[in-house]
C-alpha atoms as a PDB file:
ATOM      1  CA  MET A   1     380.759 270.660  14.418  1.00  0.00           C
ATOM      2  CA  SER A   2     379.341 272.099  17.621  1.00  0.00           C
ATOM      3  CA  LYS A   3     381.466 272.263  20.751  1.00  0.00           C
ATOM      4  CA  LEU A   4     379.171 269.668  22.333  1.00  0.00           C
ATOM      5  CA  ASP A   5     379.716 267.253  19.430  1.00  0.00           C
ATOM      6  CA  GLU A   6     383.459 267.887  19.653  1.00  0.00           C
ATOM      7  CA  LEU A   7     383.318 267.197  23.388  1.00  0.00           C
ATOM      8  CA  ILE A   8     381.509 263.878  22.871  1.00  0.00           C
ATOM      9  CA  VAL A   9     384.079 262.799  20.243  1.00  0.00           C
ATOM     10  CA  ASN A  10     386.901 263.491  22.690  1.00  0.00           C
ATOM     11  CA  LEU A  11     385.084 261.681  25.479  1.00  0.00           C
ATOM     12  CA  GLU A  12     384.991 258.635  23.201  1.00  0.00           C
ATOM     13  CA  ARG A  13     388.754 259.020  22.736  1.00  0.00           C
ATOM     14  CA  LEU A  14     389.146 259.339  26.501  1.00  0.00           C
ATOM     15  CA  GLU A  15     387.206 256.131  27.084  1.00  0.00           C
ATOM     16  CA  ALA A  16     389.301 254.273  24.496  1.00  0.00           C
ATOM     17  CA  HIS A  17     392.560 255.267  26.235  1.00  0.00           C
ATOM     18  CA  LEU A  18     391.147 254.340  29.654  1.00  0.00           C
ATOM     19  CA  ASP A  19     390.109 250.944  28.277  1.00  0.00           C
ATOM     20  CA  ALA A  20     393.609 250.443  26.861  1.00  0.00           C
ATOM     21  CA  ILE A  21     395.201 251.092  30.261  1.00  0.00           C
ATOM     22  CA  PHE A  22     392.647 248.855  31.977  1.00  0.00           C
ATOM     23  CA  SER A  23     393.619 246.106  29.499  1.00  0.00           C
ATOM     24  CA  GLY A  24     397.306 246.493  30.335  1.00  0.00           C
ATOM     25  CA  SER A  25     398.656 249.039  27.845  1.00  0.00           C
ATOM     26  CA  LEU A  26     402.024 250.493  28.841  1.00  0.00           C
ATOM     27  CA  VAL A  27     401.908 253.369  26.349  1.00  0.00           C
ATOM     28  CA  ALA A  28     398.354 254.759  26.439  1.00  0.00           C
ATOM     29  CA  ARG A  29     399.172 257.176  29.292  1.00  0.00           C
ATOM     30  CA  ASP A  30     400.703 259.789  26.959  1.00  0.00           C
ATOM     31  CA  ASP A  31     397.690 259.795  24.625  1.00  0.00           C
ATOM     32  CA  LEU A  32     395.445 259.937  27.699  1.00  0.00           C
ATOM     33  CA  ALA A  33     397.288 263.006  28.998  1.00  0.00           C
ATOM     34  CA  SER A  34     396.861 264.736  25.630  1.00  0.00           C
ATOM     35  CA  VAL A  35     393.094 264.158  25.557  1.00  0.00           C
ATOM     36  CA  LEU A  36     392.705 265.312  29.151  1.00  0.00           C
ATOM     37  CA  GLN A  37     394.588 268.494  28.311  1.00  0.00           C
ATOM     38  CA  ILE A  38     392.204 269.207  25.422  1.00  0.00           C
ATOM     39  CA  LEU A  39     389.195 268.773  27.700  1.00  0.00           C
ATOM     40  CA  LEU A  40     390.425 270.891  30.588  1.00  0.00           C
ATOM     41  CA  HIS A  41     391.388 274.519  31.040  1.00  0.00           C
ATOM     42  CA  ASP A  42     395.162 274.843  30.574  1.00  0.00           C
ATOM     43  CA  GLY A  43     395.709 278.474  29.646  1.00  0.00           C
ATOM     44  CA  GLU A  44     396.569 277.504  26.057  1.00  0.00           C
ATOM     45  CA  GLY A  45     393.153 277.817  24.444  1.00  0.00           C
ATOM     46  CA  HIS A  46     391.780 274.331  25.083  1.00  0.00           C
ATOM     47  CA  ASP A  47     389.143 274.101  27.859  1.00  0.00           C
ATOM     48  CA  LEU A  48     386.700 272.116  25.688  1.00  0.00           C
ATOM     49  CA  ILE A  49     384.418 271.173  28.588  1.00  0.00           C
ATOM     50  CA  ASN A  50     383.672 274.752  29.581  1.00  0.00           C
ATOM     51  CA  LYS A  51     383.346 275.865  25.947  1.00  0.00           C
ATOM     52  CA  ALA A  52     380.747 273.154  25.277  1.00  0.00           C
ATOM     53  CA  PHE A  53     378.898 273.934  28.505  1.00  0.00           C
ATOM     54  CA  ASP A  54     378.786 277.650  27.655  1.00  0.00           C
ATOM     55  CA  GLU A  55     377.515 276.856  24.157  1.00  0.00           C
ATOM     56  CA  GLN A  56     374.675 274.704  25.506  1.00  0.00           C
ATOM     57  CA  GLY A  57     373.941 276.729  28.642  1.00  0.00           C
ATOM     58  CA  LEU A  58     374.687 273.736  30.880  1.00  0.00           C
ATOM     59  CA  PRO A  59     375.246 274.042  34.636  1.00  0.00           C
ATOM     60  CA  GLN A  60     378.724 273.725  36.117  1.00  0.00           C
ATOM     61  CA  LEU A  61     380.145 270.224  36.577  1.00  0.00           C
ATOM     62  CA  SER A  62     380.852 268.966  40.104  1.00  0.00           C
ATOM     63  CA  MET A  63     382.853 265.872  41.069  1.00  0.00           C
ATOM     64  CA  ALA A  64     383.595 263.881  44.196  1.00  0.00           C
ATOM     65  CA  ALA A  65     386.477 265.523  46.035  1.00  0.00           C
ATOM     66  CA  HIS A  66     388.751 264.933  48.993  1.00  0.00           C
ATOM     67  CA  GLN A  67     387.721 266.891  52.071  1.00  0.00           C
ATOM     68  CA  GLN A  68     391.253 268.275  52.288  1.00  0.00           C
ATOM     69  CA  PRO A  69     392.925 269.615  49.123  1.00  0.00           C
ATOM     70  CA  GLN A  70     396.393 268.775  50.473  1.00  0.00           C
ATOM     71  CA  ILE A  71     397.784 265.308  51.138  1.00  0.00           C
ATOM     72  CA  ASN A  72     398.495 264.771  54.831  1.00  0.00           C
ATOM     73  CA  ARG A  73     402.108 265.581  55.661  1.00  0.00           C
ATOM     74  CA  SER A  74     402.198 263.087  58.542  1.00  0.00           C
ATOM     75  CA  ARG A  75     400.639 259.766  59.537  1.00  0.00           C
ATOM     76  CA  ASN A  76     400.783 258.222  62.992  1.00  0.00           C
ATOM     77  CA  SER A  77     403.069 261.074  64.053  1.00  0.00           C
ATOM     78  CA  GLN A  78     405.581 260.118  61.337  1.00  0.00           C
ATOM     79  CA  PRO A  79     406.387 262.563  58.517  1.00  0.00           C
ATOM     80  CA  VAL A  80     405.268 261.597  55.015  1.00  0.00           C
ATOM     81  CA  ILE A  81     408.140 261.668  52.536  1.00  0.00           C
ATOM     82  CA  LEU A  82     406.201 260.417  49.503  1.00  0.00           C
ATOM     83  CA  ALA A  83     402.470 259.974  48.874  1.00  0.00           C
ATOM     84  CA  ILE A  84     400.336 259.303  45.793  1.00  0.00           C
ATOM     85  CA  ARG A  85     396.548 259.210  45.894  1.00  0.00           C
ATOM     86  CA  ALA A  86     393.551 258.523  43.663  1.00  0.00           C
ATOM     87  CA  VAL A  87     390.724 260.939  42.967  1.00  0.00           C
ATOM     88  CA  ASN A  88     388.165 260.609  45.745  1.00  0.00           C
ATOM     89  CA  SER A  89     385.141 258.436  44.947  1.00  0.00           C
ATOM     90  CA  ASP A  90     382.865 259.605  47.791  1.00  0.00           C
ATOM     91  CA  ALA A  91     380.003 261.349  46.005  1.00  0.00           C
ATOM     92  CA  SER A  92     378.865 262.936  49.294  1.00  0.00           C
ATOM     93  CA  THR A  93     381.668 265.510  49.022  1.00  0.00           C
ATOM     94  CA  PRO A  94     381.172 267.116  45.577  1.00  0.00           C
ATOM     95  CA  GLN A  95     383.089 270.216  44.542  1.00  0.00           C
ATOM     96  CA  PRO A  96     383.362 272.193  41.280  1.00  0.00           C
ATOM     97  CA  LEU A  97     385.615 270.593  38.666  1.00  0.00           C
ATOM     98  CA  ASP A  98     388.328 273.258  38.904  1.00  0.00           C
ATOM     99  CA  ASP A  99     388.522 272.816  42.694  1.00  0.00           C
ATOM    100  CA  VAL A 100     388.995 269.055  42.275  1.00  0.00           C
ATOM    101  CA  LEU A 101     391.704 269.559  39.651  1.00  0.00           C
ATOM    102  CA  ASN A 102     393.558 271.853  42.057  1.00  0.00           C
ATOM    103  CA  GLN A 103     393.691 269.210  44.803  1.00  0.00           C
ATOM    104  CA  GLU A 104     397.022 267.455  45.337  1.00  0.00           C
ATOM    105  CA  ALA A 105     397.662 264.156  43.600  1.00  0.00           C
ATOM    106  CA  ILE A 106     401.240 263.605  44.772  1.00  0.00           C
ATOM    107  CA  PHE A 107     403.565 264.947  47.452  1.00  0.00           C
ATOM    108  CA  HIS A 108     407.267 264.349  48.086  1.00  0.00           C
ATOM    109  CA  ASP A 109     409.796 265.928  50.420  1.00  0.00           C
ATOM    110  CA  ASN A 110     413.421 266.745  49.694  1.00  0.00           C
ATOM    111  CA  SER A 111     414.685 263.364  50.922  1.00  0.00           C
ATOM    112  CA  VAL A 112     413.094 261.703  47.878  1.00  0.00           C
ATOM    113  CA  TRP A 113     414.038 264.184  45.157  1.00  0.00           C
ATOM    114  CA  SER A 114     416.045 267.401  45.252  1.00  0.00           C
ATOM    115  CA  SER A 115     413.290 269.622  46.659  1.00  0.00           C
ATOM    116  CA  SER A 116     410.028 269.292  48.553  1.00  0.00           C
ATOM    117  CA  SER A 117     407.055 269.648  46.230  1.00  0.00           C
ATOM    118  CA  SER A 118     403.527 268.607  45.352  1.00  0.00           C
ATOM    119  CA  LEU A 119     401.535 268.323  42.148  1.00  0.00           C
ATOM    120  CA  THR A 120     397.829 268.907  41.627  1.00  0.00           C
ATOM    121  CA  TRP A 121     395.787 266.839  39.181  1.00  0.00           C
ATOM    122  CA  LYS A 122     395.910 269.703  36.700  1.00  0.00           C
ATOM    123  CA  GLN A 123     399.707 269.837  36.972  1.00  0.00           C
ATOM    124  CA  VAL A 124     400.073 266.064  36.604  1.00  0.00           C
ATOM    125  CA  ILE A 125     398.153 266.215  33.321  1.00  0.00           C
ATOM    126  CA  ALA A 126     400.068 269.225  32.002  1.00  0.00           C
ATOM    127  CA  LYS A 127     403.500 267.908  32.987  1.00  0.00           C
ATOM    128  CA  SER A 128     402.879 264.511  31.429  1.00  0.00           C
ATOM    129  CA  ARG A 129     401.412 265.904  28.234  1.00  0.00           C
ATOM    130  CA  ASN A 130     404.077 268.569  27.749  1.00  0.00           C
ATOM    131  CA  GLN A 131     406.978 266.193  28.409  1.00  0.00           C
ATOM    132  CA  TYR A 132     405.793 263.046  26.649  1.00  0.00           C
ATOM    133  CA  GLY A 133     402.700 263.873  24.598  1.00  0.00           C
ATOM    134  CA  SER A 134     402.276 266.011  21.526  1.00  0.00           C
ATOM    135  CA  HIS A 135     404.076 269.043  23.013  1.00  0.00           C
ATOM    136  CA  ILE A 136     407.661 268.454  24.123  1.00  0.00           C
ATOM    137  CA  ASP A 137     409.281 270.630  26.780  1.00  0.00           C
ATOM    138  CA  ASP A 138     412.897 270.469  27.875  1.00  0.00           C
ATOM    139  CA  GLU A 139     414.439 267.269  29.214  1.00  0.00           C
ATOM    140  CA  PRO A 140     412.189 265.792  31.948  1.00  0.00           C
ATOM    141  CA  VAL A 141     413.158 266.386  35.557  1.00  0.00           C
ATOM    142  CA  ARG A 142     414.236 263.382  37.623  1.00  0.00           C
ATOM    143  CA  TRP A 143     411.024 262.967  39.587  1.00  0.00           C
ATOM    144  CA  LEU A 144     408.905 262.981  36.427  1.00  0.00           C
ATOM    145  CA  GLU A 145     411.023 260.213  34.947  1.00  0.00           C
ATOM    146  CA  ASP A 146     410.797 258.240  38.194  1.00  0.00           C
ATOM    147  CA  LEU A 147     407.000 258.428  38.249  1.00  0.00           C
ATOM    148  CA  ARG A 148     407.014 256.518  34.962  1.00  0.00           C
ATOM    149  CA  ILE A 149     408.847 253.573  36.561  1.00  0.00           C
ATOM    150  CA  TYR A 150     407.626 253.581  40.182  1.00  0.00           C
ATOM    151  CA  PRO A 151     405.098 250.724  40.370  1.00  0.00           C
ATOM    152  CA  VAL A 152     401.543 251.489  41.528  1.00  0.00           C
ATOM    153  CA  ALA A 153     398.594 249.079  41.124  1.00  0.00           C
ATOM    154  CA  ASN A 154     400.643 246.851  38.815  1.00  0.00           C
ATOM    155  CA  ALA A 155     401.157 249.789  36.458  1.00  0.00           C
ATOM    156  CA  ASP A 156     403.395 252.815  36.994  1.00  0.00           C
ATOM    157  CA  ALA A 157     402.674 255.878  39.118  1.00  0.00           C
ATOM    158  CA  MET A 158     402.047 258.253  36.204  1.00  0.00           C
ATOM    159  CA  THR A 159     399.737 255.797  34.462  1.00  0.00           C
ATOM    160  CA  PHE A 160     397.845 255.267  37.733  1.00  0.00           C
ATOM    161  CA  LEU A 161     397.430 259.018  38.326  1.00  0.00           C
ATOM    162  CA  LEU A 162     396.233 259.776  34.784  1.00  0.00           C
ATOM    163  CA  TRP A 163     393.919 256.754  34.771  1.00  0.00           C
ATOM    164  CA  SER A 164     392.392 257.788  38.121  1.00  0.00           C
ATOM    165  CA  ILE A 165     391.585 261.357  37.058  1.00  0.00           C
ATOM    166  CA  GLY A 166     390.431 260.152  33.628  1.00  0.00           C
ATOM    167  CA  GLU A 167     388.007 257.601  35.090  1.00  0.00           C
ATOM    168  CA  ALA A 168     386.629 260.118  37.603  1.00  0.00           C
ATOM    169  CA  LEU A 169     386.201 262.815  34.970  1.00  0.00           C
ATOM    170  CA  LEU A 170     384.515 260.563  32.400  1.00  0.00           C
ATOM    171  CA  GLY A 171     382.140 259.107  35.002  1.00  0.00           C
ATOM    172  CA  SER A 172     381.048 262.496  36.330  1.00  0.00           C
ATOM    173  CA  LEU A 173     380.953 264.260  32.976  1.00  0.00           C
ATOM    174  CA  SER A 174     378.976 261.585  31.111  1.00  0.00           C
ATOM    175  CA  ALA A 175     376.378 261.421  33.891  1.00  0.00           C
ATOM    176  CA  HIS A 176     376.109 265.218  33.916  1.00  0.00           C
ATOM    177  CA  LEU A 177     375.642 265.420  30.143  1.00  0.00           C
ATOM    178  CA  ALA A 178     373.132 262.543  30.042  1.00  0.00           C
ATOM    179  CA  SER A 179     371.045 264.129  32.813  1.00  0.00           C
ATOM    180  CA  ASN A 180     370.992 267.388  30.856  1.00  0.00           C
ATOM    181  CA  GLY A 181     369.687 265.861  27.620  1.00  0.00           C
ATOM    182  CA  ALA A 182     372.868 264.990  25.711  1.00  0.00           C
ATOM    183  CA  ASP A 183     372.740 261.919  23.478  1.00  0.00           C
ATOM    184  CA  MET A 184     375.145 259.723  25.414  1.00  0.00           C
ATOM    185  CA  LEU A 185     375.137 257.003  28.049  1.00  0.00           C
ATOM    186  CA  SER A 186     376.387 257.512  31.585  1.00  0.00           C
ATOM    187  CA  TYR A 187     379.804 255.892  32.137  1.00  0.00           C
ATOM    188  CA  GLN A 188     380.369 253.793  35.251  1.00  0.00           C
ATOM    189  CA  ARG A 189     383.684 254.837  36.793  1.00  0.00           C
ATOM    190  CA  ARG A 190     386.150 252.026  37.511  1.00  0.00           C
ATOM    191  CA  LYS A 191     388.085 252.449  40.748  1.00  0.00           C
ATOM    192  CA  SER A 192     390.147 249.250  40.562  1.00  0.00           C
ATOM    193  CA  LEU A 193     393.179 248.899  38.274  1.00  0.00           C
ATOM    194  CA  ASN A 194     394.590 245.380  37.873  1.00  0.00           C
ATOM    195  CA  GLY A 195     392.382 244.147  40.717  1.00  0.00           C
ATOM    196  CA  ILE A 196     393.699 246.746  43.183  1.00  0.00           C
ATOM    197  CA  GLU A 197     391.775 249.791  44.367  1.00  0.00           C
ATOM    198  CA  ILE A 198     394.232 252.208  45.975  1.00  0.00           C
ATOM    199  CA  GLN A 199     393.064 255.324  47.777  1.00  0.00           C
ATOM    200  CA  GLU A 200     396.593 256.365  48.763  1.00  0.00           C
ATOM    201  CA  GLY A 201     400.092 254.919  48.844  1.00  0.00           C
ATOM    202  CA  HIS A 202     402.639 256.511  51.152  1.00  0.00           C
ATOM    203  CA  VAL A 203     406.167 256.286  52.537  1.00  0.00           C
ATOM    204  CA  LEU A 204     406.830 257.478  56.087  1.00  0.00           C
ATOM    205  CA  SER A 205     410.148 258.478  57.620  1.00  0.00           C
ATOM    206  CA  VAL A 206     410.992 256.444  60.735  1.00  0.00           C
ATOM    207  CA  PRO A 207     414.046 257.843  62.581  1.00  0.00           C
ATOM    208  CA  PRO A 208     416.904 257.479  62.426  1.00  0.00           C
ATOM    209  CA  THR A 209     417.155 256.012  58.899  1.00  0.00           C
ATOM    210  CA  SER A 210     414.217 253.648  58.322  1.00  0.00           C
ATOM    211  CA  ILE A 211     411.025 254.018  56.321  1.00  0.00           C
ATOM    212  CA  GLN A 212     407.532 252.546  56.603  1.00  0.00           C
ATOM    213  CA  VAL A 213     405.571 251.859  53.424  1.00  0.00           C
ATOM    214  CA  GLY A 214     401.795 251.549  53.416  1.00  0.00           C
ATOM    215  CA  ALA A 215     398.649 251.902  51.360  1.00  0.00           C
ATOM    216  CA  ASP A 216     394.933 252.355  51.874  1.00  0.00           C
ATOM    217  CA  LEU A 217     393.585 249.765  49.469  1.00  0.00           C
ATOM    218  CA  MET A 218     391.101 247.077  48.549  1.00  0.00           C
ATOM    219  CA  ILE A 219     391.839 243.888  46.617  1.00  0.00           C
ATOM    220  CA  THR A 220     388.852 243.604  44.328  1.00  0.00           C
ATOM    221  CA  ASP A 221     389.124 240.367  42.388  1.00  0.00           C
ATOM    222  CA  GLU A 222     390.126 236.729  42.711  1.00  0.00           C
ATOM    223  CA  HIS A 223     392.830 236.281  40.096  1.00  0.00           C
ATOM    224  CA  ARG A 224     396.045 234.714  41.342  1.00  0.00           C
ATOM    225  CA  SER A 225     398.744 236.578  39.473  1.00  0.00           C
ATOM    226  CA  GLN A 226     401.523 238.455  41.228  1.00  0.00           C
ATOM    227  CA  ARG A 227     400.737 242.185  41.334  1.00  0.00           C
ATOM    228  CA  THR A 228     402.596 245.238  42.567  1.00  0.00           C
ATOM    229  CA  ILE A 229     400.871 247.655  44.948  1.00  0.00           C
ATOM    230  CA  PHE A 230     403.369 250.440  45.537  1.00  0.00           C
ATOM    231  CA  GLY A 231     407.109 250.849  45.218  1.00  0.00           C
ATOM    232  CA  GLY A 232     409.944 253.282  44.729  1.00  0.00           C
ATOM    233  CA  ILE A 233     413.495 254.149  45.748  1.00  0.00           C
ATOM    234  CA  TYR A 234     414.633 255.748  48.985  1.00  0.00           C
ATOM    235  CA  ASN A 235     418.274 256.454  49.880  1.00  0.00           C
ATOM    236  CA  SER A 236     419.339 254.573  46.718  1.00  0.00           C
ATOM    237  CA  THR A 237     417.497 251.461  47.972  1.00  0.00           C
ATOM    238  CA  PRO A 238     414.480 250.044  46.078  1.00  0.00           C
ATOM    239  CA  PHE A 239     411.386 248.881  47.981  1.00  0.00           C
ATOM    240  CA  LEU A 240     408.181 247.215  46.889  1.00  0.00           C
ATOM    241  CA  PHE A 241     404.841 246.066  48.279  1.00  0.00           C
ATOM    242  CA  GLY A 242     402.822 243.566  46.295  1.00  0.00           C
ATOM    243  CA  ILE A 243     400.271 240.761  46.311  1.00  0.00           C
ATOM    244  CA  ASN A 244     401.499 237.232  45.726  1.00  0.00           C
ATOM    245  CA  LYS A 245     399.606 234.409  44.031  1.00  0.00           C
ATOM    246  CA  ASN A 246     398.114 233.401  47.405  1.00  0.00           C
ATOM    247  CA  ARG A 247     396.627 236.898  47.797  1.00  0.00           C
ATOM    248  CA  GLN A 248     399.067 237.745  50.567  1.00  0.00           C
ATOM    249  CA  VAL A 249     400.552 241.216  50.894  1.00  0.00           C
ATOM    250  CA  VAL A 250     404.336 240.931  50.700  1.00  0.00           C
ATOM    251  CA  ALA A 251     407.195 243.391  51.175  1.00  0.00           C
ATOM    252  CA  LEU A 252     410.545 243.380  49.402  1.00  0.00           C
ATOM    253  CA  LYS A 253     413.607 245.532  49.860  1.00  0.00           C
ATOM    254  CA  GLY A 254     416.661 245.496  47.636  1.00  0.00           C
ATOM    255  CA  ASN A 255     420.234 246.364  48.423  1.00  0.00           C
ATOM    256  CA  GLN A 256     421.538 249.900  48.167  1.00  0.00           C
ATOM    257  CA  GLY A 257     422.310 250.619  44.526  1.00  0.00           C
ATOM    258  CA  ASP A 258     420.035 247.867  43.167  1.00  0.00           C
ATOM    259  CA  SER A 259     417.560 248.849  40.450  1.00  0.00           C
ATOM    260  CA  LEU A 260     413.843 249.023  41.115  1.00  0.00           C
ATOM    261  CA  GLU A 261     413.191 247.264  37.808  1.00  0.00           C
ATOM    262  CA  ASP A 262     415.223 244.221  38.918  1.00  0.00           C
ATOM    263  CA  LEU A 263     413.388 244.064  42.255  1.00  0.00           C
ATOM    264  CA  GLU A 264     410.024 244.281  40.519  1.00  0.00           C
ATOM    265  CA  SER A 265     410.986 241.571  38.023  1.00  0.00           C
ATOM    266  CA  HIS A 266     412.188 239.369  40.905  1.00  0.00           C
ATOM    267  CA  PHE A 267     408.772 239.696  42.530  1.00  0.00           C
ATOM    268  CA  LEU A 268     406.590 239.342  39.416  1.00  0.00           C
ATOM    269  CA  LEU A 269     408.446 236.193  38.328  1.00  0.00           C
ATOM    270  CA  GLY A 270     407.303 234.628  41.576  1.00  0.00           C
ATOM    271  CA  SER A 271     410.682 234.210  43.251  1.00  0.00           C
ATOM    272  CA  ALA A 272     409.569 236.207  46.304  1.00  0.00           C
ATOM    273  CA  GLY A 273     406.380 235.570  48.182  1.00  0.00           C
ATOM    274  CA  ASP A 274     406.461 235.352  51.975  1.00  0.00           C
ATOM    275  CA  GLY A 275     403.457 237.014  53.575  1.00  0.00           C
ATOM    276  CA  LEU A 276     403.822 239.974  55.891  1.00  0.00           C
ATOM    277  CA  ASN A 277     403.595 239.540  59.618  1.00  0.00           C
ATOM    278  CA  ARG A 278     400.431 240.609  61.434  1.00  0.00           C
ATOM    279  CA  ALA A 279     401.752 243.981  62.572  1.00  0.00           C
ATOM    280  CA  THR A 280     402.774 244.946  59.068  1.00  0.00           C
ATOM    281  CA  ARG A 281     399.405 243.847  57.690  1.00  0.00           C
ATOM    282  CA  ARG A 282     397.681 246.189  60.133  1.00  0.00           C
ATOM    283  CA  ALA A 283     399.911 249.024  58.940  1.00  0.00           C
ATOM    284  CA  MET A 284     398.683 248.426  55.399  1.00  0.00           C
ATOM    285  CA  ARG A 285     395.077 249.135  56.482  1.00  0.00           C
ATOM    286  CA  ARG A 286     393.859 246.617  53.970  1.00  0.00           C
ATOM    287  CA  ARG A 287     390.045 246.416  53.751  1.00  0.00           C
END
């Protein structure tokens, strides 16, 4: 089998895992991380995309990229303590694949977990695959476990991150291969997961002890189910933004020591649903 044929087989696997997540799978993220690791350069002998391109003499792949590789550390003069973003979808700012993979996907400061840190897309894939996929590292660190329960776009943060980079990669790569004579159809990237298109979710520190939660997002369908937008835990207190059955953005905050899972269940069962006030809606920057 040629490297190109092997690449196309794995792109079919990639699409199947993306479809599973789009259909609501809670377990496909680990298989998705494993396929992404096979496709991309990881220092362990994989790098299937570049191997196939070298075999066929294909030009380098470019993808839409954020103008800034780092996530902003402040918004409205308030420091960002946690932020998660999708892969950029603006095709007017293309960059080489490796440059896109080295852009930040998540940032947190030391008030959220034990140390301030960020993860690139490449690191998100590697960490998820090595901890939960076919290669098992040591016991996962706290923040990696939390990303598998923090709600984002009615999924969890890790699923959202892997789905975002997977969709962007498959869309760009299939179009690139098709335009260079490969026997495959171009894949139309999906930017909305569970009817919510999130560019970035963030938590800001508001002195002395408050936080402000927001998201740059678009609600992209008309279904009336309760859906989570973005949530987490700060200072042992769970918080959650979501969309109620009337398509209103709502905010919930638990008591200190409450579990995030209980707060999310409380919301999704429909027992919470008051809309946000006008000022808070503006802070959400909903389009």
